[in-house]
N, C-alpha and C. Protein backbone atom coordinates (compact mmCIF):
# COMPACT_ATOMS: atom_id res chain seq x y z
N UNK A 1 -6.88 -16.47 -28.75
CA UNK A 1 -7.50 -17.77 -28.64
C UNK A 1 -8.09 -17.90 -27.24
N UNK A 2 -9.28 -18.43 -27.16
CA UNK A 2 -9.94 -18.64 -25.87
C UNK A 2 -9.88 -20.13 -25.53
N UNK A 3 -9.44 -20.41 -24.31
CA UNK A 3 -9.42 -21.77 -23.79
C UNK A 3 -10.33 -21.79 -22.58
N UNK A 4 -11.55 -22.27 -22.74
CA UNK A 4 -12.53 -22.22 -21.66
C UNK A 4 -12.84 -20.77 -21.35
N UNK A 5 -12.64 -20.37 -20.10
CA UNK A 5 -12.89 -18.98 -19.72
C UNK A 5 -11.63 -18.12 -19.86
N UNK A 6 -10.50 -18.75 -20.15
CA UNK A 6 -9.23 -18.03 -20.24
C UNK A 6 -8.91 -17.62 -21.68
N UNK A 7 -8.42 -16.41 -21.84
CA UNK A 7 -8.00 -15.92 -23.15
C UNK A 7 -6.47 -15.91 -23.17
N UNK A 8 -5.90 -16.54 -24.18
CA UNK A 8 -4.44 -16.63 -24.31
C UNK A 8 -3.92 -15.31 -24.89
N UNK A 9 -3.53 -14.39 -24.02
CA UNK A 9 -3.08 -13.06 -24.43
C UNK A 9 -1.58 -12.86 -24.28
N UNK A 10 -0.91 -13.85 -23.78
CA UNK A 10 0.52 -13.71 -23.52
C UNK A 10 1.28 -14.74 -24.36
N UNK A 11 2.04 -14.24 -25.33
CA UNK A 11 2.85 -15.12 -26.16
C UNK A 11 4.26 -15.12 -25.60
N UNK A 12 4.83 -16.32 -25.46
CA UNK A 12 6.16 -16.46 -24.89
C UNK A 12 7.14 -16.89 -25.99
N UNK A 13 8.24 -16.15 -26.08
CA UNK A 13 9.24 -16.41 -27.10
C UNK A 13 10.61 -16.63 -26.46
N UNK A 14 11.51 -17.15 -27.28
CA UNK A 14 12.89 -17.33 -26.87
C UNK A 14 13.77 -16.85 -28.02
N UNK A 15 14.75 -16.01 -27.69
CA UNK A 15 15.69 -15.51 -28.70
C UNK A 15 17.01 -15.17 -28.01
N UNK A 16 18.10 -15.47 -28.66
CA UNK A 16 19.43 -15.18 -28.13
C UNK A 16 19.61 -15.71 -26.71
N UNK A 17 19.05 -16.88 -26.44
CA UNK A 17 19.22 -17.50 -25.13
C UNK A 17 18.38 -16.93 -24.01
N UNK A 18 17.49 -15.99 -24.31
CA UNK A 18 16.65 -15.45 -23.24
C UNK A 18 15.18 -15.59 -23.61
N UNK A 19 14.34 -15.70 -22.58
CA UNK A 19 12.90 -15.81 -22.77
C UNK A 19 12.24 -14.48 -22.49
N UNK A 20 11.19 -14.20 -23.20
CA UNK A 20 10.40 -13.00 -22.93
C UNK A 20 8.97 -13.22 -23.36
N UNK A 21 8.10 -12.38 -22.79
CA UNK A 21 6.66 -12.48 -23.06
C UNK A 21 6.19 -11.22 -23.76
N UNK A 22 5.22 -11.40 -24.63
CA UNK A 22 4.61 -10.27 -25.32
C UNK A 22 3.11 -10.36 -25.10
N UNK A 23 2.52 -9.29 -24.59
CA UNK A 23 1.06 -9.25 -24.44
C UNK A 23 0.45 -8.86 -25.77
N UNK A 24 -0.52 -9.62 -26.22
CA UNK A 24 -1.18 -9.35 -27.49
C UNK A 24 -2.65 -9.03 -27.25
N UNK A 25 -3.22 -8.27 -28.14
CA UNK A 25 -4.64 -7.97 -28.05
C UNK A 25 -5.18 -7.79 -29.46
N UNK A 26 -6.46 -7.86 -29.58
CA UNK A 26 -7.10 -7.71 -30.88
C UNK A 26 -8.59 -7.63 -30.72
N UNK A 27 -9.26 -7.49 -31.84
CA UNK A 27 -10.71 -7.37 -31.81
C UNK A 27 -11.41 -8.70 -32.02
N UNK A 28 -10.67 -9.75 -32.24
CA UNK A 28 -11.28 -11.06 -32.50
C UNK A 28 -10.76 -12.07 -31.48
N UNK A 29 -11.68 -12.90 -30.98
CA UNK A 29 -11.34 -13.98 -30.06
C UNK A 29 -12.16 -15.19 -30.49
N UNK A 30 -11.51 -16.35 -30.53
CA UNK A 30 -12.22 -17.57 -30.92
C UNK A 30 -11.74 -18.72 -30.06
N UNK A 31 -12.54 -19.76 -30.00
CA UNK A 31 -12.11 -20.99 -29.34
C UNK A 31 -11.98 -22.10 -30.38
N UNK A 32 -11.83 -21.70 -31.63
CA UNK A 32 -11.72 -22.62 -32.75
C UNK A 32 -10.47 -22.25 -33.55
N UNK A 33 -9.47 -23.13 -33.50
CA UNK A 33 -8.21 -22.86 -34.19
C UNK A 33 -8.35 -22.66 -35.68
N UNK A 34 -9.29 -23.36 -36.31
CA UNK A 34 -9.48 -23.17 -37.75
C UNK A 34 -10.07 -21.80 -38.04
N UNK A 35 -10.91 -21.30 -37.14
CA UNK A 35 -11.45 -19.94 -37.33
C UNK A 35 -10.32 -18.91 -37.29
N UNK A 36 -9.39 -19.10 -36.37
CA UNK A 36 -8.23 -18.20 -36.28
C UNK A 36 -7.43 -18.27 -37.58
N UNK A 37 -7.23 -19.47 -38.10
CA UNK A 37 -6.53 -19.63 -39.39
C UNK A 37 -7.26 -18.91 -40.50
N UNK A 38 -8.57 -19.03 -40.55
CA UNK A 38 -9.37 -18.35 -41.58
C UNK A 38 -9.22 -16.83 -41.48
N UNK A 39 -9.19 -16.30 -40.26
CA UNK A 39 -9.01 -14.86 -40.09
C UNK A 39 -7.65 -14.43 -40.63
N UNK A 40 -6.63 -15.24 -40.38
CA UNK A 40 -5.30 -14.91 -40.91
C UNK A 40 -5.30 -14.96 -42.44
N UNK A 41 -5.93 -15.97 -43.01
CA UNK A 41 -6.02 -16.07 -44.46
C UNK A 41 -6.75 -14.85 -45.05
N UNK A 42 -7.70 -14.30 -44.30
CA UNK A 42 -8.45 -13.13 -44.76
C UNK A 42 -7.70 -11.82 -44.49
N UNK A 43 -6.52 -11.92 -43.87
CA UNK A 43 -5.71 -10.73 -43.65
C UNK A 43 -6.03 -9.94 -42.40
N UNK A 44 -6.63 -10.60 -41.41
CA UNK A 44 -7.05 -9.90 -40.19
C UNK A 44 -6.01 -9.90 -39.08
N UNK A 45 -4.81 -10.41 -39.34
CA UNK A 45 -3.79 -10.37 -38.29
C UNK A 45 -2.87 -11.56 -38.34
N UNK A 46 -2.14 -11.76 -37.24
CA UNK A 46 -1.20 -12.86 -37.12
C UNK A 46 -1.66 -13.79 -35.99
N UNK A 47 -1.13 -15.00 -36.00
CA UNK A 47 -1.50 -15.95 -34.95
C UNK A 47 -0.36 -16.92 -34.73
N UNK A 48 -0.44 -17.63 -33.64
CA UNK A 48 0.44 -18.75 -33.37
C UNK A 48 -0.35 -20.00 -33.72
N UNK A 49 0.17 -20.77 -34.66
CA UNK A 49 -0.50 -22.01 -35.06
C UNK A 49 0.52 -23.12 -35.19
N UNK A 50 0.08 -24.33 -35.02
CA UNK A 50 0.92 -25.49 -35.26
C UNK A 50 1.28 -25.53 -36.75
N UNK A 51 2.53 -25.88 -37.02
CA UNK A 51 2.98 -25.98 -38.42
C UNK A 51 2.08 -26.95 -39.20
N UNK A 52 1.67 -28.02 -38.55
CA UNK A 52 0.81 -29.01 -39.20
C UNK A 52 -0.49 -28.36 -39.68
N UNK A 53 -1.04 -27.45 -38.89
CA UNK A 53 -2.31 -26.79 -39.24
C UNK A 53 -2.19 -25.86 -40.44
N UNK A 54 -1.00 -25.29 -40.66
CA UNK A 54 -0.86 -24.27 -41.72
C UNK A 54 0.16 -24.65 -42.79
N UNK A 55 0.69 -25.86 -42.75
CA UNK A 55 1.72 -26.29 -43.70
C UNK A 55 1.30 -26.05 -45.15
N UNK A 56 0.10 -26.49 -45.52
CA UNK A 56 -0.36 -26.32 -46.89
C UNK A 56 -0.47 -24.85 -47.27
N UNK A 57 -0.94 -24.01 -46.35
CA UNK A 57 -1.06 -22.57 -46.61
C UNK A 57 0.31 -21.93 -46.79
N UNK A 58 1.29 -22.36 -45.99
CA UNK A 58 2.65 -21.83 -46.12
C UNK A 58 3.26 -22.25 -47.46
N UNK A 59 3.11 -23.52 -47.81
CA UNK A 59 3.68 -24.03 -49.05
C UNK A 59 3.04 -23.38 -50.28
N UNK A 60 1.74 -23.05 -50.19
CA UNK A 60 1.03 -22.44 -51.31
C UNK A 60 1.21 -20.93 -51.35
N UNK A 61 1.84 -20.36 -50.31
CA UNK A 61 2.05 -18.92 -50.27
C UNK A 61 0.84 -18.13 -49.80
N UNK A 62 -0.17 -18.82 -49.29
CA UNK A 62 -1.35 -18.12 -48.76
C UNK A 62 -1.05 -17.46 -47.43
N UNK A 63 -0.12 -18.05 -46.67
CA UNK A 63 0.35 -17.49 -45.40
C UNK A 63 1.87 -17.43 -45.46
N UNK A 64 2.44 -16.52 -44.68
CA UNK A 64 3.89 -16.45 -44.56
C UNK A 64 4.25 -16.50 -43.08
N UNK A 65 5.42 -17.05 -42.81
CA UNK A 65 5.89 -17.10 -41.42
C UNK A 65 6.56 -15.78 -41.08
N UNK A 66 6.18 -15.24 -39.95
CA UNK A 66 6.82 -14.02 -39.45
C UNK A 66 7.49 -14.36 -38.13
N UNK A 67 8.45 -13.56 -37.73
CA UNK A 67 9.18 -13.78 -36.48
C UNK A 67 9.85 -15.14 -36.44
N UNK A 68 10.33 -15.62 -37.60
CA UNK A 68 10.89 -16.97 -37.64
C UNK A 68 12.19 -17.13 -36.87
N UNK A 69 12.85 -16.03 -36.52
CA UNK A 69 14.08 -16.14 -35.73
C UNK A 69 13.80 -16.33 -34.24
N UNK A 70 12.55 -16.22 -33.86
CA UNK A 70 12.15 -16.41 -32.47
C UNK A 70 11.51 -17.78 -32.32
N UNK A 71 11.97 -18.55 -31.35
CA UNK A 71 11.33 -19.83 -31.11
C UNK A 71 10.27 -19.65 -30.03
N UNK A 72 9.25 -20.45 -30.12
CA UNK A 72 8.17 -20.38 -29.14
C UNK A 72 8.52 -21.19 -27.91
N UNK A 73 8.08 -20.73 -26.79
CA UNK A 73 8.12 -21.54 -25.59
C UNK A 73 7.05 -22.61 -25.78
N UNK A 74 6.88 -23.48 -24.84
CA UNK A 74 5.88 -24.53 -24.96
C UNK A 74 4.48 -23.97 -25.19
N UNK A 75 3.75 -24.66 -26.01
CA UNK A 75 2.36 -24.29 -26.29
C UNK A 75 1.48 -25.42 -25.78
N UNK A 76 0.40 -25.08 -25.10
CA UNK A 76 -0.47 -26.09 -24.52
C UNK A 76 -1.17 -26.92 -25.59
N UNK A 77 -1.32 -28.20 -25.30
CA UNK A 77 -2.10 -29.11 -26.11
C UNK A 77 -3.28 -29.52 -25.25
N UNK A 78 -4.46 -29.52 -25.82
CA UNK A 78 -5.64 -29.85 -25.05
C UNK A 78 -6.40 -30.99 -25.70
N UNK A 79 -6.92 -31.85 -24.86
CA UNK A 79 -7.84 -32.90 -25.31
C UNK A 79 -9.21 -32.49 -24.80
N UNK A 80 -10.17 -32.44 -25.69
CA UNK A 80 -11.50 -31.96 -25.34
C UNK A 80 -12.50 -33.09 -25.51
N UNK A 81 -13.38 -33.21 -24.53
CA UNK A 81 -14.45 -34.21 -24.60
C UNK A 81 -15.65 -33.67 -23.86
N UNK A 82 -16.86 -34.18 -24.14
CA UNK A 82 -18.08 -33.64 -23.51
C UNK A 82 -18.07 -33.84 -22.00
N UNK A 83 -18.45 -32.80 -21.28
CA UNK A 83 -18.54 -32.92 -19.83
C UNK A 83 -19.84 -33.63 -19.46
N UNK A 84 -19.85 -34.20 -18.29
CA UNK A 84 -21.07 -34.84 -17.79
C UNK A 84 -21.34 -36.21 -18.39
N UNK A 85 -20.46 -36.69 -19.24
CA UNK A 85 -20.62 -38.02 -19.82
C UNK A 85 -19.54 -38.94 -19.27
N UNK A 86 -19.88 -40.22 -19.16
CA UNK A 86 -18.88 -41.19 -18.74
C UNK A 86 -17.83 -41.28 -19.85
N UNK A 87 -16.58 -41.23 -19.46
CA UNK A 87 -15.48 -41.28 -20.42
C UNK A 87 -15.23 -42.74 -20.80
N UNK A 88 -15.41 -43.10 -22.08
CA UNK A 88 -15.17 -44.49 -22.48
C UNK A 88 -13.72 -44.89 -22.18
N UNK A 89 -13.53 -46.14 -21.83
CA UNK A 89 -12.20 -46.64 -21.47
C UNK A 89 -11.20 -46.43 -22.61
N UNK A 90 -11.63 -46.64 -23.84
CA UNK A 90 -10.71 -46.49 -24.98
C UNK A 90 -10.23 -45.04 -25.12
N UNK A 91 -11.11 -44.07 -24.77
CA UNK A 91 -10.72 -42.66 -24.83
C UNK A 91 -9.73 -42.36 -23.73
N UNK A 92 -9.98 -42.87 -22.53
CA UNK A 92 -9.05 -42.68 -21.41
C UNK A 92 -7.69 -43.28 -21.74
N UNK A 93 -7.66 -44.47 -22.33
CA UNK A 93 -6.40 -45.11 -22.70
C UNK A 93 -5.66 -44.29 -23.75
N UNK A 94 -6.39 -43.76 -24.73
CA UNK A 94 -5.77 -42.92 -25.75
C UNK A 94 -5.18 -41.66 -25.13
N UNK A 95 -5.93 -41.01 -24.23
CA UNK A 95 -5.44 -39.81 -23.56
C UNK A 95 -4.17 -40.12 -22.77
N UNK A 96 -4.17 -41.22 -22.05
CA UNK A 96 -2.99 -41.61 -21.27
C UNK A 96 -1.80 -41.88 -22.18
N UNK A 97 -2.04 -42.55 -23.30
CA UNK A 97 -0.96 -42.85 -24.24
C UNK A 97 -0.37 -41.59 -24.84
N UNK A 98 -1.21 -40.67 -25.29
CA UNK A 98 -0.74 -39.40 -25.85
C UNK A 98 0.04 -38.63 -24.79
N UNK A 99 -0.50 -38.54 -23.60
CA UNK A 99 0.14 -37.82 -22.52
C UNK A 99 1.52 -38.39 -22.20
N UNK A 100 1.63 -39.70 -22.12
CA UNK A 100 2.92 -40.32 -21.78
C UNK A 100 3.96 -40.08 -22.87
N UNK A 101 3.54 -40.05 -24.12
CA UNK A 101 4.49 -39.85 -25.22
C UNK A 101 4.93 -38.40 -25.36
N UNK A 102 4.15 -37.47 -24.83
CA UNK A 102 4.49 -36.05 -24.96
C UNK A 102 5.21 -35.50 -23.73
N UNK A 103 5.32 -36.26 -22.67
CA UNK A 103 6.00 -35.76 -21.47
C UNK A 103 7.48 -35.62 -21.73
N UNK A 104 8.01 -34.53 -21.18
CA UNK A 104 9.45 -34.25 -21.37
C UNK A 104 10.23 -34.77 -20.19
């Protein structure tokens, strides 16, 4: 997955009380989570996705969960909006509200 100029190549897991990282690589890179899901549905590999994004696919048997005994470390959540535009107040308030509810 590409986030801006950065490619997320390091997956962080937790198992048996310890954390570890796994470097991943592949021939496909996208900045669109649904595109990554489509590649998985087409059999092109594995991915880390939010359960909400793939729940229907899991329930229908189109995708299967692998490495289920490993829990993920925190995964970044991003809010995206057009650069160079004035940010409407309602969008700023929504971003602040989401951020405050997700802080640990």
